[in-house]
Amino acid sequence: MHLIKDQCKGCGYCIEFCPKKVFEESEEINARGVHPPRIVDESKCLLCGFCTAVCPDFAIFVTEKKCEERS
């Protein structure tokens, strides 16, 4: 899972619509002056790609990790 924080406008769609609640709002402020999401627990991700689909800024993309990267 990859998040391009400075591309995010802080709409919160990824936080609201993720079925596993992988995201939450962060305290960090990005280049746009908003609070981007932060990944809470990537291991809960279903790799469904819904966050990618709902992100209007194309700031999130999901890729499956190789077995050795997961541990």
Protein backbone atom coordinates (compact mmCIF):
# COMPACT_ATOMS: atom_id res chain seq x y z
CA MET A 1 0.00 0.00 0.00
CA HIS A 2 1.38 3.37 -1.00
CA LEU A 3 0.18 6.80 0.06
CA ILE A 4 1.40 9.97 -1.64
CA LYS A 5 0.75 12.33 1.28
CA ASP A 6 1.45 15.61 -0.51
CA GLN A 7 -1.02 14.71 -3.26
CA CYS A 8 -3.85 14.21 -0.74
CA LYS A 9 -6.45 16.97 -0.26
CA GLY A 10 -7.80 15.46 2.95
CA CYS A 11 -11.27 14.45 1.76
CA GLY A 12 -11.31 11.43 4.07
CA TYR A 13 -12.97 9.05 1.60
CA CYS A 14 -10.32 6.39 2.19
CA ILE A 15 -10.89 6.61 5.95
CA GLU A 16 -14.67 6.52 5.60
CA PHE A 17 -15.02 3.74 3.03
CA CYS A 18 -12.21 1.27 3.82
CA PRO A 19 -13.97 -1.96 4.87
CA LYS A 20 -11.15 -2.85 7.28
CA LYS A 21 -10.50 0.67 8.63
CA VAL A 22 -6.84 0.59 7.59
CA PHE A 23 -6.64 4.42 7.59
CA GLU A 24 -7.14 7.16 10.15
CA GLU A 25 -6.57 10.92 10.05
CA SER A 26 -3.04 11.87 11.00
CA GLU A 27 -1.80 14.86 12.95
CA GLU A 28 0.69 15.54 10.15
CA ILE A 29 0.07 18.44 7.77
CA ASN A 30 1.05 17.95 4.13
CA ALA A 31 2.14 20.43 1.44
CA ARG A 32 -1.51 21.31 0.75
CA GLY A 33 -2.04 22.25 4.40
CA VAL A 34 -4.38 19.37 5.22
CA HIS A 35 -4.20 16.27 7.38
CA PRO A 36 -3.64 13.27 5.09
CA PRO A 37 -4.59 9.80 6.29
CA ARG A 38 -2.12 7.53 7.94
CA ILE A 39 -1.99 3.78 7.57
CA VAL A 40 -2.95 2.24 10.92
CA ASP A 41 -2.41 -1.45 10.20
CA GLU A 42 -1.47 -2.46 6.68
CA SER A 43 -1.76 -6.16 7.58
CA LYS A 44 -5.57 -5.73 7.81
CA CYS A 45 -5.73 -4.62 4.16
CA LEU A 46 -7.77 -6.93 1.90
CA LEU A 47 -6.06 -5.58 -1.26
CA CYS A 48 -9.54 -4.76 -2.56
CA GLY A 49 -8.36 -1.46 -4.05
CA PHE A 50 -11.45 0.42 -2.92
CA CYS A 51 -9.31 3.18 -1.38
CA THR A 52 -7.65 3.66 -4.76
CA ALA A 53 -11.03 3.81 -6.49
CA VAL A 54 -12.54 6.42 -4.14
CA CYS A 55 -9.47 8.69 -3.94
CA PRO A 56 -10.16 11.72 -6.17
CA ASP A 57 -6.50 12.73 -6.04
CA PHE A 58 -4.97 9.38 -7.05
CA ALA A 59 -2.90 9.55 -3.86
CA ILE A 60 -3.30 5.88 -2.88
CA PHE A 61 -2.37 2.74 -4.72
CA VAL A 62 -2.29 -0.83 -3.53
CA THR A 63 0.24 -3.45 -4.56
CA GLU A 64 0.62 -6.93 -3.17
CA LYS A 65 3.83 -7.50 -1.23
CA LYS A 66 6.11 -10.42 -1.94
CA CYS A 67 6.21 -13.11 0.75
CA GLU A 68 9.62 -12.05 2.09
CA GLU A 69 8.43 -8.42 2.44
CA ARG A 70 5.41 -9.39 4.57
CA SER A 71 7.33 -10.67 7.57
